[in-house]
Amino acid sequence: MDHQLPTQLLPAVPHFAFSIFNVAWPNLVAWTVAIVVFFAAAWSRMPRLFKRVDRPPAETNDEPNESGHESH
């Protein structure tokens, strides 16, 4: 019972074909889930630096500060 079935005796997998592509539904579902998980993980790892700040930026003062340098 350790022998493998020939390809002709294996059950068919539901698939669709367009142009030169022949795609099985289980593969399409697996790749879609993998891509969604990848982008969700990348989005969750995005640093807070890229997030929009709701408050206006602090005003800059062109007068020299205590150390004698201008603050920019």
PDB file of N, CA and C in Angstrom:
ATOM      1  N   MET A   1       0.814  -1.201   0.000  1.00  0.00           N
ATOM      2  CA  MET A   1       0.000   0.000   0.000  1.00  0.00           C
ATOM      3  C   MET A   1       0.856   1.263   0.000  1.00  0.00           C
ATOM      4  N   ASP A   2       2.139   1.111  -0.205  1.00  0.00           N
ATOM      5  CA  ASP A   2       3.020   2.268  -0.225  1.00  0.00           C
ATOM      6  C   ASP A   2       3.208   2.843  -1.626  1.00  0.00           C
ATOM      7  N   HIS A   3       2.535   2.292  -2.612  1.00  0.00           N
ATOM      8  CA  HIS A   3       2.707   2.797  -3.972  1.00  0.00           C
ATOM      9  C   HIS A   3       1.766   3.989  -4.214  1.00  0.00           C
ATOM     10  N   GLN A   4       2.166   4.855  -5.128  1.00  0.00           N
ATOM     11  CA  GLN A   4       1.361   6.034  -5.453  1.00  0.00           C
ATOM     12  C   GLN A   4       0.448   5.748  -6.636  1.00  0.00           C
ATOM     13  N   LEU A   5      -0.668   6.467  -6.676  1.00  0.00           N
ATOM     14  CA  LEU A   5      -1.589   6.322  -7.798  1.00  0.00           C
ATOM     15  C   LEU A   5      -1.032   7.039  -9.020  1.00  0.00           C
ATOM     16  N   PRO A   6      -1.257   6.488 -10.204  1.00  0.00           N
ATOM     17  CA  PRO A   6      -0.882   7.221 -11.417  1.00  0.00           C
ATOM     18  C   PRO A   6      -1.734   8.488 -11.545  1.00  0.00           C
ATOM     19  N   THR A   7      -1.216   9.458 -12.255  1.00  0.00           N
ATOM     20  CA  THR A   7      -1.901  10.747 -12.395  1.00  0.00           C
ATOM     21  C   THR A   7      -3.318  10.579 -12.944  1.00  0.00           C
ATOM     22  N   GLN A   8      -3.515   9.657 -13.837  1.00  0.00           N
ATOM     23  CA  GLN A   8      -4.834   9.472 -14.447  1.00  0.00           C
ATOM     24  C   GLN A   8      -5.874   8.988 -13.440  1.00  0.00           C
ATOM     25  N   LEU A   9      -5.463   8.350 -12.357  1.00  0.00           N
ATOM     26  CA  LEU A   9      -6.411   7.820 -11.380  1.00  0.00           C
ATOM     27  C   LEU A   9      -6.678   8.781 -10.214  1.00  0.00           C
ATOM     28  N   LEU A  10      -5.966   9.896 -10.157  1.00  0.00           N
ATOM     29  CA  LEU A  10      -6.187  10.870  -9.084  1.00  0.00           C
ATOM     30  C   LEU A  10      -7.489  11.624  -9.333  1.00  0.00           C
ATOM     31  N   PRO A  11      -8.191  12.034  -8.265  1.00  0.00           N
ATOM     32  CA  PRO A  11      -9.425  12.797  -8.467  1.00  0.00           C
ATOM     33  C   PRO A  11      -9.119  14.190  -9.032  1.00  0.00           C
ATOM     34  N   ALA A  12     -10.017  14.693  -9.820  1.00  0.00           N
ATOM     35  CA  ALA A  12      -9.848  16.013 -10.437  1.00  0.00           C
ATOM     36  C   ALA A  12     -10.091  17.120  -9.396  1.00  0.00           C
ATOM     37  N   VAL A  13      -9.367  18.200  -9.547  1.00  0.00           N
ATOM     38  CA  VAL A  13      -9.526  19.360  -8.667  1.00  0.00           C
ATOM     39  C   VAL A  13     -10.338  20.407  -9.429  1.00  0.00           C
ATOM     40  N   PRO A  14     -11.326  21.024  -8.768  1.00  0.00           N
ATOM     41  CA  PRO A  14     -12.085  22.076  -9.459  1.00  0.00           C
ATOM     42  C   PRO A  14     -11.152  23.195  -9.891  1.00  0.00           C
ATOM     43  N   HIS A  15     -11.266  23.606 -11.140  1.00  0.00           N
ATOM     44  CA  HIS A  15     -10.383  24.635 -11.661  1.00  0.00           C
ATOM     45  C   HIS A  15     -11.109  25.461 -12.712  1.00  0.00           C
ATOM     46  N   PHE A  16     -10.485  26.568 -13.103  1.00  0.00           N
ATOM     47  CA  PHE A  16     -10.986  27.348 -14.221  1.00  0.00           C
ATOM     48  C   PHE A  16      -9.805  27.676 -15.126  1.00  0.00           C
ATOM     49  N   ALA A  17     -10.102  27.870 -16.381  1.00  0.00           N
ATOM     50  CA  ALA A  17      -9.051  28.135 -17.357  1.00  0.00           C
ATOM     51  C   ALA A  17      -9.415  29.398 -18.133  1.00  0.00           C
ATOM     52  N   PHE A  18      -8.415  30.253 -18.296  1.00  0.00           N
ATOM     53  CA  PHE A  18      -8.567  31.402 -19.170  1.00  0.00           C
ATOM     54  C   PHE A  18      -7.236  31.647 -19.872  1.00  0.00           C
ATOM     55  N   SER A  19      -7.318  31.859 -21.148  1.00  0.00           N
ATOM     56  CA  SER A  19      -6.136  32.051 -21.984  1.00  0.00           C
ATOM     57  C   SER A  19      -5.183  30.867 -21.792  1.00  0.00           C
ATOM     58  N   ILE A  20      -3.948  31.133 -21.393  1.00  0.00           N
ATOM     59  CA  ILE A  20      -2.985  30.050 -21.196  1.00  0.00           C
ATOM     60  C   ILE A  20      -2.930  29.580 -19.750  1.00  0.00           C
ATOM     61  N   PHE A  21      -3.757  30.162 -18.890  1.00  0.00           N
ATOM     62  CA  PHE A  21      -3.719  29.854 -17.465  1.00  0.00           C
ATOM     63  C   PHE A  21      -4.766  28.813 -17.109  1.00  0.00           C
ATOM     64  N   ASN A  22      -4.395  27.905 -16.224  1.00  0.00           N
ATOM     65  CA  ASN A  22      -5.285  26.874 -15.713  1.00  0.00           C
ATOM     66  C   ASN A  22      -5.114  26.890 -14.194  1.00  0.00           C
ATOM     67  N   VAL A  23      -6.066  27.486 -13.478  1.00  0.00           N
ATOM     68  CA  VAL A  23      -5.910  27.752 -12.052  1.00  0.00           C
ATOM     69  C   VAL A  23      -6.900  26.905 -11.250  1.00  0.00           C
ATOM     70  N   ALA A  24      -6.394  26.205 -10.254  1.00  0.00           N
ATOM     71  CA  ALA A  24      -7.248  25.411  -9.375  1.00  0.00           C
ATOM     72  C   ALA A  24      -7.827  26.315  -8.287  1.00  0.00           C
ATOM     73  N   TRP A  25      -9.072  26.120  -7.939  1.00  0.00           N
ATOM     74  CA  TRP A  25      -9.731  26.945  -6.917  1.00  0.00           C
ATOM     75  C   TRP A  25      -9.035  26.868  -5.564  1.00  0.00           C
ATOM     76  N   PRO A  26      -8.632  25.692  -5.082  1.00  0.00           N
ATOM     77  CA  PRO A  26      -7.941  25.665  -3.783  1.00  0.00           C
ATOM     78  C   PRO A  26      -6.640  26.482  -3.788  1.00  0.00           C
ATOM     79  N   ASN A  27      -5.896  26.463  -4.890  1.00  0.00           N
ATOM     80  CA  ASN A  27      -4.678  27.262  -4.979  1.00  0.00           C
ATOM     81  C   ASN A  27      -5.003  28.752  -4.974  1.00  0.00           C
ATOM     82  N   LEU A  28      -6.044  29.139  -5.695  1.00  0.00           N
ATOM     83  CA  LEU A  28      -6.438  30.542  -5.746  1.00  0.00           C
ATOM     84  C   LEU A  28      -6.846  31.038  -4.357  1.00  0.00           C
ATOM     85  N   VAL A  29      -7.600  30.240  -3.629  1.00  0.00           N
ATOM     86  CA  VAL A  29      -8.019  30.622  -2.275  1.00  0.00           C
ATOM     87  C   VAL A  29      -6.802  30.734  -1.352  1.00  0.00           C
ATOM     88  N   ALA A  30      -5.896  29.766  -1.426  1.00  0.00           N
ATOM     89  CA  ALA A  30      -4.712  29.783  -0.564  1.00  0.00           C
ATOM     90  C   ALA A  30      -3.837  31.003  -0.853  1.00  0.00           C
ATOM     91  N   TRP A  31      -3.606  31.327  -2.115  1.00  0.00           N
ATOM     92  CA  TRP A  31      -2.783  32.494  -2.457  1.00  0.00           C
ATOM     93  C   TRP A  31      -3.470  33.794  -2.064  1.00  0.00           C
ATOM     94  N   THR A  32      -4.780  33.875  -2.195  1.00  0.00           N
ATOM     95  CA  THR A  32      -5.504  35.075  -1.791  1.00  0.00           C
ATOM     96  C   THR A  32      -5.386  35.289  -0.283  1.00  0.00           C
ATOM     97  N   VAL A  33      -5.556  34.234   0.490  1.00  0.00           N
ATOM     98  CA  VAL A  33      -5.414  34.333   1.947  1.00  0.00           C
ATOM     99  C   VAL A  33      -3.987  34.729   2.316  1.00  0.00           C
ATOM    100  N   ALA A  34      -3.001  34.150   1.659  1.00  0.00           N
ATOM    101  CA  ALA A  34      -1.600  34.475   1.954  1.00  0.00           C
ATOM    102  C   ALA A  34      -1.302  35.945   1.658  1.00  0.00           C
ATOM    103  N   ILE A  35      -1.807  36.464   0.550  1.00  0.00           N
ATOM    104  CA  ILE A  35      -1.566  37.867   0.199  1.00  0.00           C
ATOM    105  C   ILE A  35      -2.264  38.800   1.174  1.00  0.00           C
ATOM    106  N   VAL A  36      -3.496  38.485   1.557  1.00  0.00           N
ATOM    107  CA  VAL A  36      -4.225  39.320   2.516  1.00  0.00           C
ATOM    108  C   VAL A  36      -3.509  39.327   3.868  1.00  0.00           C
ATOM    109  N   VAL A  37      -3.060  38.168   4.328  1.00  0.00           N
ATOM    110  CA  VAL A  37      -2.337  38.088   5.603  1.00  0.00           C
ATOM    111  C   VAL A  37      -1.030  38.867   5.526  1.00  0.00           C
ATOM    112  N   PHE A  38      -0.318  38.760   4.404  1.00  0.00           N
ATOM    113  CA  PHE A  38       0.935  39.490   4.244  1.00  0.00           C
ATOM    114  C   PHE A  38       0.712  40.996   4.349  1.00  0.00           C
ATOM    115  N   PHE A  39      -0.276  41.532   3.619  1.00  0.00           N
ATOM    116  CA  PHE A  39      -0.527  42.971   3.657  1.00  0.00           C
ATOM    117  C   PHE A  39      -1.074  43.415   5.011  1.00  0.00           C
ATOM    118  N   ALA A  40      -1.868  42.599   5.666  1.00  0.00           N
ATOM    119  CA  ALA A  40      -2.346  42.946   7.005  1.00  0.00           C
ATOM    120  C   ALA A  40      -1.187  43.006   7.995  1.00  0.00           C
ATOM    121  N   ALA A  41      -0.258  42.061   7.900  1.00  0.00           N
ATOM    122  CA  ALA A  41       0.906  42.071   8.779  1.00  0.00           C
ATOM    123  C   ALA A  41       1.798  43.273   8.489  1.00  0.00           C
ATOM    124  N   ALA A  42       1.990  43.597   7.221  1.00  0.00           N
ATOM    125  CA  ALA A  42       2.806  44.759   6.864  1.00  0.00           C
ATOM    126  C   ALA A  42       2.152  46.045   7.358  1.00  0.00           C
ATOM    127  N   TRP A  43       0.823  46.135   7.218  1.00  0.00           N
ATOM    128  CA  TRP A  43       0.105  47.338   7.676  1.00  0.00           C
ATOM    129  C   TRP A  43       0.206  47.482   9.197  1.00  0.00           C
ATOM    130  N   SER A  44       0.121  46.371   9.913  1.00  0.00           N
ATOM    131  CA  SER A  44       0.176  46.440  11.373  1.00  0.00           C
ATOM    132  C   SER A  44       1.579  46.782  11.872  1.00  0.00           C
ATOM    133  N   ARG A  45       2.612  46.512  11.081  1.00  0.00           N
ATOM    134  CA  ARG A  45       3.982  46.821  11.465  1.00  0.00           C
ATOM    135  C   ARG A  45       4.412  48.233  11.050  1.00  0.00           C
ATOM    136  N   MET A  46       3.542  48.959  10.353  1.00  0.00           N
ATOM    137  CA  MET A  46       3.895  50.297   9.898  1.00  0.00           C
ATOM    138  C   MET A  46       4.102  51.218  11.100  1.00  0.00           C
ATOM    139  N   PRO A  47       5.191  51.953  11.129  1.00  0.00           N
ATOM    140  CA  PRO A  47       5.447  52.801  12.300  1.00  0.00           C
ATOM    141  C   PRO A  47       4.470  53.960  12.397  1.00  0.00           C
ATOM    142  N   ARG A  48       4.341  54.490  13.579  1.00  0.00           N
ATOM    143  CA  ARG A  48       3.428  55.608  13.817  1.00  0.00           C
ATOM    144  C   ARG A  48       3.860  56.861  13.058  1.00  0.00           C
ATOM    145  N   LEU A  49       5.094  56.906  12.559  1.00  0.00           N
ATOM    146  CA  LEU A  49       5.612  58.048  11.830  1.00  0.00           C
ATOM    147  C   LEU A  49       4.744  58.383  10.620  1.00  0.00           C
ATOM    148  N   PHE A  50       4.173  57.370   9.976  1.00  0.00           N
ATOM    149  CA  PHE A  50       3.408  57.593   8.768  1.00  0.00           C
ATOM    150  C   PHE A  50       1.947  57.938   9.026  1.00  0.00           C
ATOM    151  N   LYS A  51       1.517  57.891  10.267  1.00  0.00           N
ATOM    152  CA  LYS A  51       0.126  58.183  10.575  1.00  0.00           C
ATOM    153  C   LYS A  51      -0.105  59.689  10.612  1.00  0.00           C
ATOM    154  N   ARG A  52      -1.288  60.112  10.258  1.00  0.00           N
ATOM    155  CA  ARG A  52      -1.630  61.521  10.225  1.00  0.00           C
ATOM    156  C   ARG A  52      -1.807  62.055  11.642  1.00  0.00           C
ATOM    157  N   VAL A  53      -1.268  63.231  11.867  1.00  0.00           N
ATOM    158  CA  VAL A  53      -1.398  63.881  13.165  1.00  0.00           C
ATOM    159  C   VAL A  53      -2.541  64.883  13.058  1.00  0.00           C
ATOM    160  N   ASP A  54      -3.461  64.865  14.021  1.00  0.00           N
ATOM    161  CA  ASP A  54      -4.619  65.738  13.953  1.00  0.00           C
ATOM    162  C   ASP A  54      -4.339  67.153  14.458  1.00  0.00           C
ATOM    163  N   ARG A  55      -3.237  67.339  15.168  1.00  0.00           N
ATOM    164  CA  ARG A  55      -2.927  68.664  15.690  1.00  0.00           C
ATOM    165  C   ARG A  55      -1.956  69.384  14.759  1.00  0.00           C
ATOM    166  N   PRO A  56      -2.014  70.718  14.706  1.00  0.00           N
ATOM    167  CA  PRO A  56      -1.096  71.447  13.829  1.00  0.00           C
ATOM    168  C   PRO A  56       0.331  71.383  14.372  1.00  0.00           C
ATOM    169  N   PRO A  57       1.323  71.509  13.498  1.00  0.00           N
ATOM    170  CA  PRO A  57       2.704  71.461  13.983  1.00  0.00           C
ATOM    171  C   PRO A  57       3.030  72.667  14.858  1.00  0.00           C
ATOM    172  N   ALA A  58       3.971  72.501  15.757  1.00  0.00           N
ATOM    173  CA  ALA A  58       4.354  73.589  16.650  1.00  0.00           C
ATOM    174  C   ALA A  58       5.001  74.701  15.834  1.00  0.00           C
ATOM    175  N   GLU A  59       4.749  75.934  16.252  1.00  0.00           N
ATOM    176  CA  GLU A  59       5.318  77.068  15.525  1.00  0.00           C
ATOM    177  C   GLU A  59       6.812  77.139  15.794  1.00  0.00           C
ATOM    178  N   THR A  60       7.568  77.482  14.757  1.00  0.00           N
ATOM    179  CA  THR A  60       9.010  77.619  14.935  1.00  0.00           C
ATOM    180  C   THR A  60       9.332  79.054  15.285  1.00  0.00           C
ATOM    181  N   ASN A  61      10.327  79.219  16.087  1.00  0.00           N
ATOM    182  CA  ASN A  61      10.745  80.528  16.536  1.00  0.00           C
ATOM    183  C   ASN A  61      12.107  80.809  15.902  1.00  0.00           C
ATOM    184  N   ASP A  62      12.207  81.900  15.119  1.00  0.00           N
ATOM    185  CA  ASP A  62      13.453  82.213  14.435  1.00  0.00           C
ATOM    186  C   ASP A  62      14.433  82.987  15.314  1.00  0.00           C
ATOM    187  N   GLU A  63      14.021  83.315  16.520  1.00  0.00           N
ATOM    188  CA  GLU A  63      14.932  84.025  17.407  1.00  0.00           C
ATOM    189  C   GLU A  63      15.947  83.039  17.977  1.00  0.00           C
ATOM    190  N   PRO A  64      17.171  83.503  18.230  1.00  0.00           N
ATOM    191  CA  PRO A  64      18.157  82.596  18.819  1.00  0.00           C
ATOM    192  C   PRO A  64      17.696  82.105  20.192  1.00  0.00           C
ATOM    193  N   ASN A  65      17.943  80.836  20.481  1.00  0.00           N
ATOM    194  CA  ASN A  65      17.560  80.291  21.788  1.00  0.00           C
ATOM    195  C   ASN A  65      18.684  80.512  22.782  1.00  0.00           C
ATOM    196  N   GLU A  66      18.584  79.887  23.922  1.00  0.00           N
ATOM    197  CA  GLU A  66      19.551  80.116  24.995  1.00  0.00           C
ATOM    198  C   GLU A  66      20.990  79.783  24.596  1.00  0.00           C
ATOM    199  N   SER A  67      21.166  78.800  23.726  1.00  0.00           N
ATOM    200  CA  SER A  67      22.523  78.394  23.348  1.00  0.00           C
ATOM    201  C   SER A  67      23.088  79.278  22.230  1.00  0.00           C
ATOM    202  N   GLY A  68      22.296  80.244  21.735  1.00  0.00           N
ATOM    203  CA  GLY A  68      22.787  81.146  20.698  1.00  0.00           C
ATOM    204  C   GLY A  68      22.515  80.660  19.294  1.00  0.00           C
ATOM    205  N   HIS A  69      21.855  79.521  19.132  1.00  0.00           N
ATOM    206  CA  HIS A  69      21.545  79.008  17.806  1.00  0.00           C
ATOM    207  C   HIS A  69      20.060  79.181  17.525  1.00  0.00           C
ATOM    208  N   GLU A  70      19.760  79.346  16.232  1.00  0.00           N
ATOM    209  CA  GLU A  70      18.356  79.442  15.846  1.00  0.00           C
ATOM    210  C   GLU A  70      17.733  78.053  15.851  1.00  0.00           C
ATOM    211  N   SER A  71      16.478  77.980  16.237  1.00  0.00           N
ATOM    212  CA  SER A  71      15.790  76.691  16.264  1.00  0.00           C
ATOM    213  C   SER A  71      14.970  76.527  14.985  1.00  0.00           C
ATOM    214  N   HIS A  72      15.244  75.460  14.225  1.00  0.00           N
ATOM    215  CA  HIS A  72      14.486  75.169  13.006  1.00  0.00           C
ATOM    216  C   HIS A  72      14.096  73.731  12.991  1.00  0.00           C
TER     217      HIS A  72
END
